[in-house]
Amino acid sequence: MERTLSLSRQNRAIESHRTPVQGRTIAIQVLSRRDVKHLSPEVPYVVISIANPSVPHPSLLDSPRRLGVLRVAFDDVEATRKDFRGEKTPMTPVQAREIREFVEAHLEEAALIVVHCDAGMCRSPAVAAALWRWLEQGRGPFFDTFRPNPHVYRTMSEELFR
């Protein structure tokens, strides 16, 4: 199957900075909650859906090309900050392991990994940046375009590079 990315008409409406980043082995796309609802890639893909613990995950379009969805819930917090008092739920190492195992299970078939969170600016770019570093052995553009959550990036990296 062709592993280059072509976007459907629906996907052309997604903001230009949210187009997939194509690597040697995989493409990764960071989306917001609003944009992921309209996602319909023309290649086999998986979705990592990140939501706040108190908010349900968004509905996704049905697609025969979607190989799987992993739903995780944690807040956009930096757990090491002194002002963090436990009112919010940070990403855990168990969740990072779930993401790694999910990606590993789909790497042979998937041409695209879609990662989304509410705004698509902090949590999902942090996961995408860590996955990119792990799969493509490079920095990738995620720190240039977004504001990856340091705790999420660190937690993912610790799991991926242990």
N, C-alpha and C. Protein backbone atom coordinates (compact mmCIF):
# COMPACT_ATOMS: atom_id res chain seq x y z
N MET A 1 0.84 -1.19 0.00
CA MET A 1 0.00 0.00 0.00
C MET A 1 0.88 1.24 0.00
N GLU A 2 0.47 2.23 -0.70
CA GLU A 2 1.18 3.51 -0.76
C GLU A 2 1.24 4.13 0.63
N ARG A 3 2.43 4.49 1.07
CA ARG A 3 2.57 5.03 2.42
C ARG A 3 2.74 6.54 2.43
N THR A 4 2.65 7.19 1.28
CA THR A 4 2.70 8.65 1.27
C THR A 4 1.32 9.16 1.62
N LEU A 5 1.28 10.34 2.18
CA LEU A 5 0.02 10.87 2.68
C LEU A 5 -0.67 11.73 1.65
N SER A 6 -1.91 11.42 1.38
CA SER A 6 -2.75 12.31 0.60
C SER A 6 -3.97 12.61 1.46
N LEU A 7 -4.36 13.86 1.49
CA LEU A 7 -5.44 14.26 2.38
C LEU A 7 -6.75 14.34 1.63
N SER A 8 -7.81 13.90 2.28
CA SER A 8 -9.14 14.01 1.70
C SER A 8 -9.57 15.47 1.72
N ARG A 9 -10.68 15.76 1.04
CA ARG A 9 -11.20 17.14 1.03
C ARG A 9 -11.51 17.60 2.46
N GLN A 10 -12.02 16.69 3.29
CA GLN A 10 -12.32 17.08 4.67
C GLN A 10 -11.06 17.53 5.39
N ASN A 11 -9.96 16.83 5.18
CA ASN A 11 -8.73 17.15 5.88
C ASN A 11 -8.10 18.45 5.42
N ARG A 12 -8.42 18.90 4.22
CA ARG A 12 -7.85 20.15 3.73
C ARG A 12 -8.33 21.34 4.56
N ALA A 13 -9.45 21.16 5.27
CA ALA A 13 -9.96 22.23 6.12
C ALA A 13 -9.17 22.34 7.42
N ILE A 14 -8.40 21.34 7.76
CA ILE A 14 -7.61 21.36 8.99
C ILE A 14 -6.49 22.37 8.81
N GLU A 15 -6.20 23.13 9.86
CA GLU A 15 -5.19 24.18 9.81
C GLU A 15 -3.88 23.66 9.22
N SER A 16 -3.22 24.51 8.44
CA SER A 16 -2.03 24.09 7.71
C SER A 16 -0.90 23.62 8.63
N HIS A 17 -0.75 24.21 9.82
CA HIS A 17 0.32 23.76 10.71
C HIS A 17 0.01 22.41 11.35
N ARG A 18 -1.14 21.88 11.04
CA ARG A 18 -1.53 20.58 11.58
C ARG A 18 -1.44 19.47 10.54
N THR A 19 -0.76 19.72 9.44
CA THR A 19 -0.58 18.67 8.45
C THR A 19 0.40 17.64 9.00
N PRO A 20 0.32 16.41 8.52
CA PRO A 20 1.23 15.36 9.02
C PRO A 20 2.69 15.70 8.74
N VAL A 21 3.54 15.31 9.67
CA VAL A 21 4.98 15.41 9.48
C VAL A 21 5.44 14.04 9.01
N GLN A 22 5.98 13.99 7.80
CA GLN A 22 6.36 12.71 7.20
C GLN A 22 7.82 12.40 7.52
N GLY A 23 8.03 11.24 8.11
CA GLY A 23 9.38 10.76 8.39
C GLY A 23 9.77 9.65 7.44
N ARG A 24 10.87 9.00 7.74
CA ARG A 24 11.32 7.87 6.92
C ARG A 24 10.42 6.66 7.09
N THR A 25 9.93 6.45 8.30
CA THR A 25 9.18 5.23 8.58
C THR A 25 7.70 5.47 8.90
N ILE A 26 7.34 6.67 9.30
CA ILE A 26 5.98 6.94 9.75
C ILE A 26 5.71 8.43 9.63
N ALA A 27 4.45 8.79 9.58
CA ALA A 27 4.04 10.19 9.66
C ALA A 27 3.30 10.39 10.97
N ILE A 28 3.45 11.57 11.55
CA ILE A 28 2.76 11.89 12.80
C ILE A 28 2.02 13.21 12.60
N GLN A 29 0.78 13.24 13.06
CA GLN A 29 -0.06 14.43 12.93
C GLN A 29 -0.60 14.81 14.30
N VAL A 30 -0.48 16.09 14.64
CA VAL A 30 -1.00 16.63 15.90
C VAL A 30 -2.26 17.42 15.58
N LEU A 31 -3.33 17.10 16.27
CA LEU A 31 -4.61 17.77 16.04
C LEU A 31 -5.25 18.22 17.34
N SER A 32 -6.20 19.12 17.21
CA SER A 32 -7.03 19.54 18.33
C SER A 32 -8.25 18.64 18.40
N ARG A 33 -8.98 18.75 19.48
CA ARG A 33 -10.23 18.01 19.66
C ARG A 33 -11.21 18.33 18.52
N ARG A 34 -11.27 19.60 18.14
CA ARG A 34 -12.17 20.03 17.07
C ARG A 34 -11.78 19.40 15.74
N ASP A 35 -10.49 19.42 15.42
CA ASP A 35 -10.03 18.91 14.13
C ASP A 35 -10.11 17.39 14.01
N VAL A 36 -9.87 16.67 15.09
CA VAL A 36 -9.86 15.21 15.00
C VAL A 36 -11.23 14.65 14.65
N LYS A 37 -12.28 15.39 14.94
CA LYS A 37 -13.64 14.94 14.62
C LYS A 37 -13.86 14.83 13.11
N HIS A 38 -13.05 15.54 12.32
CA HIS A 38 -13.21 15.57 10.87
C HIS A 38 -12.15 14.75 10.15
N LEU A 39 -11.32 14.07 10.90
CA LEU A 39 -10.19 13.35 10.33
C LEU A 39 -10.65 12.15 9.51
N SER A 40 -10.09 12.02 8.30
CA SER A 40 -10.38 10.88 7.45
C SER A 40 -9.21 10.65 6.49
N PRO A 41 -8.06 10.22 7.02
CA PRO A 41 -6.89 10.01 6.14
C PRO A 41 -7.14 8.91 5.12
N GLU A 42 -6.41 8.96 4.06
CA GLU A 42 -6.54 7.96 2.99
C GLU A 42 -5.47 6.89 3.11
N VAL A 43 -4.86 6.78 4.29
CA VAL A 43 -3.84 5.77 4.57
C VAL A 43 -4.22 5.08 5.89
N PRO A 44 -3.68 3.90 6.16
CA PRO A 44 -3.94 3.25 7.46
C PRO A 44 -3.37 4.12 8.60
N TYR A 45 -4.18 4.31 9.64
CA TYR A 45 -3.76 5.19 10.73
C TYR A 45 -4.29 4.71 12.07
N VAL A 46 -3.66 5.26 13.13
CA VAL A 46 -4.11 5.04 14.50
C VAL A 46 -4.29 6.40 15.15
N VAL A 47 -5.10 6.43 16.20
CA VAL A 47 -5.37 7.68 16.92
C VAL A 47 -5.04 7.49 18.39
N ILE A 48 -4.26 8.42 18.93
CA ILE A 48 -4.04 8.50 20.37
C ILE A 48 -4.86 9.70 20.83
N SER A 49 -5.92 9.43 21.55
CA SER A 49 -6.88 10.45 21.98
C SER A 49 -6.59 10.81 23.44
N ILE A 50 -6.22 12.07 23.66
CA ILE A 50 -5.92 12.54 25.02
C ILE A 50 -7.01 13.52 25.43
N ALA A 51 -7.65 13.23 26.54
CA ALA A 51 -8.72 14.10 27.06
C ALA A 51 -8.43 14.44 28.51
N ASN A 52 -9.09 15.48 28.98
CA ASN A 52 -9.06 15.77 30.40
C ASN A 52 -9.86 14.67 31.10
N PRO A 53 -9.49 14.30 32.33
CA PRO A 53 -10.20 13.22 33.02
C PRO A 53 -11.70 13.46 33.18
N SER A 54 -12.13 14.71 33.25
CA SER A 54 -13.55 15.01 33.47
C SER A 54 -14.34 15.22 32.18
N VAL A 55 -13.70 15.05 31.02
CA VAL A 55 -14.35 15.32 29.75
C VAL A 55 -14.33 14.06 28.88
N PRO A 56 -15.45 13.70 28.27
CA PRO A 56 -15.44 12.51 27.41
C PRO A 56 -14.59 12.74 26.16
N HIS A 57 -14.09 11.67 25.60
CA HIS A 57 -13.32 11.75 24.36
C HIS A 57 -14.25 12.12 23.21
N PRO A 58 -13.75 12.81 22.20
CA PRO A 58 -14.61 13.19 21.07
C PRO A 58 -14.99 11.98 20.22
N SER A 59 -16.09 12.11 19.51
CA SER A 59 -16.49 11.10 18.54
C SER A 59 -15.61 11.23 17.32
N LEU A 60 -15.26 10.11 16.72
CA LEU A 60 -14.43 10.10 15.52
C LEU A 60 -15.25 9.56 14.36
N LEU A 61 -14.92 10.02 13.16
CA LEU A 61 -15.57 9.48 11.97
C LEU A 61 -15.22 8.00 11.83
N ASP A 62 -16.17 7.20 11.40
CA ASP A 62 -15.87 5.80 11.11
C ASP A 62 -14.98 5.74 9.88
N SER A 63 -14.03 4.85 9.90
CA SER A 63 -13.14 4.69 8.75
C SER A 63 -12.60 3.28 8.71
N PRO A 64 -12.64 2.64 7.56
CA PRO A 64 -12.05 1.31 7.44
C PRO A 64 -10.52 1.35 7.52
N ARG A 65 -9.93 2.54 7.38
CA ARG A 65 -8.47 2.67 7.45
C ARG A 65 -7.96 2.91 8.87
N ARG A 66 -8.88 3.19 9.80
CA ARG A 66 -8.46 3.38 11.19
C ARG A 66 -8.21 2.02 11.81
N LEU A 67 -6.98 1.80 12.25
CA LEU A 67 -6.56 0.51 12.80
C LEU A 67 -6.81 0.40 14.30
N GLY A 68 -6.92 1.53 14.98
CA GLY A 68 -7.14 1.49 16.41
C GLY A 68 -7.18 2.88 17.01
N VAL A 69 -7.75 2.95 18.20
CA VAL A 69 -7.82 4.20 18.97
C VAL A 69 -7.41 3.87 20.40
N LEU A 70 -6.48 4.63 20.93
CA LEU A 70 -6.12 4.52 22.34
C LEU A 70 -6.62 5.78 23.03
N ARG A 71 -7.43 5.60 24.05
CA ARG A 71 -7.97 6.74 24.80
C ARG A 71 -7.30 6.80 26.16
N VAL A 72 -6.65 7.94 26.44
CA VAL A 72 -6.02 8.18 27.74
C VAL A 72 -6.52 9.52 28.26
N ALA A 73 -6.52 9.67 29.58
CA ALA A 73 -7.02 10.90 30.18
C ALA A 73 -6.04 11.40 31.24
N PHE A 74 -5.56 12.62 31.02
CA PHE A 74 -4.73 13.32 32.01
C PHE A 74 -4.79 14.80 31.68
N ASP A 75 -4.52 15.62 32.69
CA ASP A 75 -4.59 17.08 32.51
C ASP A 75 -3.30 17.62 31.96
N ASP A 76 -3.38 18.83 31.43
CA ASP A 76 -2.22 19.54 30.92
C ASP A 76 -1.55 20.27 32.09
N VAL A 77 -0.79 19.50 32.88
CA VAL A 77 -0.12 20.05 34.06
C VAL A 77 1.33 19.62 34.06
N GLU A 78 2.13 20.39 34.73
CA GLU A 78 3.54 20.07 34.96
C GLU A 78 3.63 19.62 36.41
N ALA A 79 3.70 18.33 36.63
CA ALA A 79 3.59 17.75 37.97
C ALA A 79 4.75 18.12 38.89
N THR A 80 5.85 18.63 38.37
CA THR A 80 6.98 18.98 39.22
C THR A 80 6.95 20.44 39.68
N ARG A 81 6.01 21.22 39.18
CA ARG A 81 5.93 22.63 39.59
C ARG A 81 5.47 22.75 41.03
N LYS A 82 6.00 23.74 41.73
CA LYS A 82 5.65 23.92 43.14
C LYS A 82 4.18 24.29 43.33
N ASP A 83 3.56 24.91 42.33
CA ASP A 83 2.16 25.30 42.48
C ASP A 83 1.19 24.15 42.17
N PHE A 84 1.73 23.01 41.75
CA PHE A 84 0.87 21.85 41.52
C PHE A 84 0.53 21.23 42.87
N ARG A 85 -0.74 21.16 43.19
CA ARG A 85 -1.15 20.66 44.49
C ARG A 85 -2.01 19.41 44.39
N GLY A 86 -2.04 18.75 43.24
CA GLY A 86 -2.79 17.51 43.14
C GLY A 86 -4.24 17.66 42.72
N GLU A 87 -4.70 18.90 42.42
CA GLU A 87 -6.08 19.06 41.97
C GLU A 87 -6.24 18.51 40.56
N LYS A 88 -5.16 18.43 39.83
CA LYS A 88 -5.17 17.96 38.45
C LYS A 88 -4.46 16.61 38.37
N THR A 89 -4.69 15.90 37.29
CA THR A 89 -4.12 14.58 37.10
C THR A 89 -3.04 14.64 36.03
N PRO A 90 -1.77 14.49 36.40
CA PRO A 90 -0.70 14.50 35.39
C PRO A 90 -0.61 13.14 34.69
N MET A 91 0.06 13.12 33.55
CA MET A 91 0.33 11.86 32.85
C MET A 91 1.14 10.96 33.76
N THR A 92 0.87 9.66 33.69
CA THR A 92 1.60 8.69 34.51
C THR A 92 2.52 7.84 33.64
N PRO A 93 3.52 7.21 34.24
CA PRO A 93 4.36 6.27 33.49
C PRO A 93 3.55 5.10 32.90
N VAL A 94 2.49 4.69 33.57
CA VAL A 94 1.64 3.61 33.05
C VAL A 94 0.99 4.05 31.73
N GLN A 95 0.52 5.29 31.67
CA GLN A 95 -0.08 5.80 30.44
C GLN A 95 0.97 5.89 29.32
N ALA A 96 2.18 6.30 29.65
CA ALA A 96 3.25 6.34 28.66
C ALA A 96 3.53 4.95 28.11
N ARG A 97 3.52 3.95 28.99
CA ARG A 97 3.73 2.56 28.56
C ARG A 97 2.59 2.10 27.66
N GLU A 98 1.36 2.46 28.01
CA GLU A 98 0.20 2.10 27.16
C GLU A 98 0.36 2.69 25.76
N ILE A 99 0.82 3.93 25.68
CA ILE A 99 1.02 4.57 24.38
C ILE A 99 2.11 3.85 23.60
N ARG A 100 3.23 3.55 24.25
CA ARG A 100 4.32 2.83 23.57
C ARG A 100 3.83 1.48 23.04
N GLU A 101 3.15 0.72 23.87
CA GLU A 101 2.66 -0.60 23.47
C GLU A 101 1.64 -0.50 22.33
N PHE A 102 0.79 0.50 22.37
CA PHE A 102 -0.20 0.72 21.32
C PHE A 102 0.51 1.02 19.99
N VAL A 103 1.48 1.91 20.02
CA VAL A 103 2.21 2.26 18.80
C VAL A 103 2.98 1.05 18.28
N GLU A 104 3.66 0.35 19.16
CA GLU A 104 4.41 -0.85 18.74
C GLU A 104 3.50 -1.88 18.07
N ALA A 105 2.30 -2.04 18.58
CA ALA A 105 1.36 -3.03 18.05
C ALA A 105 0.87 -2.67 16.64
N HIS A 106 0.97 -1.39 16.26
CA HIS A 106 0.44 -0.96 14.97
C HIS A 106 1.50 -0.46 13.99
N LEU A 107 2.75 -0.49 14.38
CA LEU A 107 3.81 0.08 13.52
C LEU A 107 3.92 -0.58 12.15
N GLU A 108 3.73 -1.85 12.04
CA GLU A 108 3.87 -2.55 10.76
C GLU A 108 2.82 -2.10 9.75
N GLU A 109 1.60 -1.83 10.22
CA GLU A 109 0.49 -1.52 9.31
C GLU A 109 0.21 -0.04 9.15
N ALA A 110 0.40 0.75 10.20
CA ALA A 110 0.02 2.16 10.17
C ALA A 110 1.03 3.01 9.39
N ALA A 111 0.49 3.91 8.58
CA ALA A 111 1.33 4.89 7.89
C ALA A 111 1.29 6.23 8.62
N LEU A 112 0.34 6.39 9.54
CA LEU A 112 0.12 7.67 10.21
C LEU A 112 -0.28 7.43 11.65
N ILE A 113 0.34 8.19 12.55
CA ILE A 113 -0.07 8.23 13.96
C ILE A 113 -0.67 9.62 14.18
N VAL A 114 -1.92 9.67 14.59
CA VAL A 114 -2.59 10.93 14.91
C VAL A 114 -2.65 11.04 16.42
N VAL A 115 -2.20 12.17 16.95
CA VAL A 115 -2.26 12.41 18.39
C VAL A 115 -3.05 13.69 18.59
N HIS A 116 -4.08 13.64 19.42
CA HIS A 116 -4.85 14.86 19.66
C HIS A 116 -5.09 15.06 21.15
N CYS A 117 -5.26 16.32 21.52
CA CYS A 117 -5.73 16.71 22.84
C CYS A 117 -6.71 17.86 22.64
N ASP A 118 -7.12 18.53 23.69
CA ASP A 118 -8.14 19.56 23.54
C ASP A 118 -7.76 20.65 22.55
N ALA A 119 -6.68 21.35 22.80
CA ALA A 119 -6.27 22.43 21.91
C ALA A 119 -5.24 21.97 20.88
N GLY A 120 -4.63 20.83 21.13
CA GLY A 120 -3.60 20.35 20.22
C GLY A 120 -2.33 21.18 20.28
N MET A 121 -2.05 21.76 21.43
CA MET A 121 -0.88 22.64 21.56
C MET A 121 0.15 22.16 22.57
N CYS A 122 -0.23 21.38 23.58
CA CYS A 122 0.71 21.03 24.66
C CYS A 122 0.87 19.52 24.87
N ARG A 123 -0.19 18.83 25.23
CA ARG A 123 -0.07 17.40 25.53
C ARG A 123 0.21 16.57 24.29
N SER A 124 -0.61 16.74 23.25
CA SER A 124 -0.41 15.92 22.05
C SER A 124 0.91 16.22 21.35
N PRO A 125 1.37 17.47 21.24
CA PRO A 125 2.69 17.68 20.65
C PRO A 125 3.83 17.08 21.48
N ALA A 126 3.64 17.01 22.80
CA ALA A 126 4.67 16.39 23.65
C ALA A 126 4.76 14.89 23.36
N VAL A 127 3.62 14.23 23.23
CA VAL A 127 3.61 12.81 22.88
C VAL A 127 4.20 12.63 21.49
N ALA A 128 3.78 13.46 20.54
CA ALA A 128 4.28 13.37 19.17
C ALA A 128 5.79 13.58 19.10
N ALA A 129 6.30 14.56 19.84
CA ALA A 129 7.74 14.85 19.83
C ALA A 129 8.54 13.67 20.38
N ALA A 130 8.06 13.07 21.45
CA ALA A 130 8.76 11.91 22.03
C ALA A 130 8.70 10.72 21.07
N LEU A 131 7.54 10.48 20.46
CA LEU A 131 7.43 9.38 19.51
C LEU A 131 8.33 9.62 18.30
N TRP A 132 8.38 10.86 17.83
CA TRP A 132 9.23 11.19 16.69
C TRP A 132 10.70 10.91 17.02
N ARG A 133 11.13 11.36 18.17
CA ARG A 133 12.52 11.14 18.60
C ARG A 133 12.83 9.65 18.66
N TRP A 134 11.89 8.87 19.14
CA TRP A 134 12.05 7.43 19.29
C TRP A 134 12.03 6.71 17.93
N LEU A 135 11.10 7.06 17.07
CA LEU A 135 10.92 6.35 15.79
C LEU A 135 11.81 6.88 14.67
N GLU A 136 12.05 8.18 14.67
CA GLU A 136 12.79 8.81 13.57
C GLU A 136 14.18 9.29 13.98
N GLN A 137 14.55 9.14 15.24
CA GLN A 137 15.86 9.54 15.76
C GLN A 137 16.22 10.99 15.45
N GLY A 138 15.26 11.87 15.60
CA GLY A 138 15.51 13.28 15.38
C GLY A 138 14.61 14.13 16.23
N ARG A 139 14.83 15.43 16.16
CA ARG A 139 14.06 16.36 16.98
C ARG A 139 12.66 16.58 16.44
N GLY A 140 12.52 16.67 15.15
CA GLY A 140 11.21 16.95 14.56
C GLY A 140 10.80 18.40 14.79
N PRO A 141 9.72 18.83 14.18
CA PRO A 141 9.30 20.24 14.23
C PRO A 141 8.37 20.60 15.39
N PHE A 142 8.10 19.67 16.27
CA PHE A 142 7.04 19.87 17.25
C PHE A 142 7.34 20.96 18.27
N PHE A 143 8.61 21.20 18.57
CA PHE A 143 8.96 22.26 19.51
C PHE A 143 8.96 23.63 18.84
N ASP A 144 9.03 23.64 17.52
CA ASP A 144 9.01 24.91 16.79
C ASP A 144 7.60 25.44 16.60
N THR A 145 6.65 24.54 16.43
CA THR A 145 5.28 24.91 16.09
C THR A 145 4.35 24.95 17.29
N PHE A 146 4.62 24.13 18.29
CA PHE A 146 3.73 23.98 19.44
C PHE A 146 4.46 24.28 20.74
N ARG A 147 3.78 24.08 21.87
CA ARG A 147 4.35 24.25 23.21
C ARG A 147 4.23 22.93 23.97
N PRO A 148 5.03 21.92 23.61
CA PRO A 148 4.89 20.60 24.25
C PRO A 148 5.00 20.69 25.78
N ASN A 149 4.10 20.01 26.43
CA ASN A 149 4.11 19.95 27.90
C ASN A 149 5.38 19.23 28.35
N PRO A 150 6.22 19.87 29.18
CA PRO A 150 7.49 19.27 29.59
C PRO A 150 7.32 17.96 30.36
N HIS A 151 6.32 17.89 31.22
CA HIS A 151 6.10 16.67 32.00
C HIS A 151 5.71 15.51 31.09
N VAL A 152 4.83 15.75 30.15
CA VAL A 152 4.38 14.70 29.23
C VAL A 152 5.55 14.24 28.36
N TYR A 153 6.33 15.19 27.84
CA TYR A 153 7.48 14.83 27.01
C TYR A 153 8.49 14.00 27.81
N ARG A 154 8.76 14.42 29.02
CA ARG A 154 9.72 13.72 29.88
C ARG A 154 9.21 12.32 30.23
N THR A 155 7.94 12.21 30.59
CA THR A 155 7.36 10.91 30.96
C THR A 155 7.37 9.95 29.77
N MET A 156 7.02 10.45 28.60
CA MET A 156 7.05 9.62 27.39
C MET A 156 8.48 9.20 27.07
N SER A 157 9.40 10.15 27.12
CA SER A 157 10.80 9.85 26.78
C SER A 157 11.40 8.84 27.73
N GLU A 158 11.10 8.95 29.01
CA GLU A 158 11.61 7.98 30.00
C GLU A 158 11.12 6.57 29.66
N GLU A 159 9.88 6.45 29.22
CA GLU A 159 9.34 5.15 28.85
C GLU A 159 9.94 4.64 27.55
N LEU A 160 10.05 5.50 26.57
CA LEU A 160 10.53 5.08 25.25
C LEU A 160 12.02 4.76 25.23
N PHE A 161 12.79 5.43 26.07
CA PHE A 161 14.25 5.26 26.04
C PHE A 161 14.80 4.59 27.30
N ARG A 162 13.98 3.82 27.98
CA ARG A 162 14.43 3.14 29.19
C ARG A 162 15.31 1.96 28.87
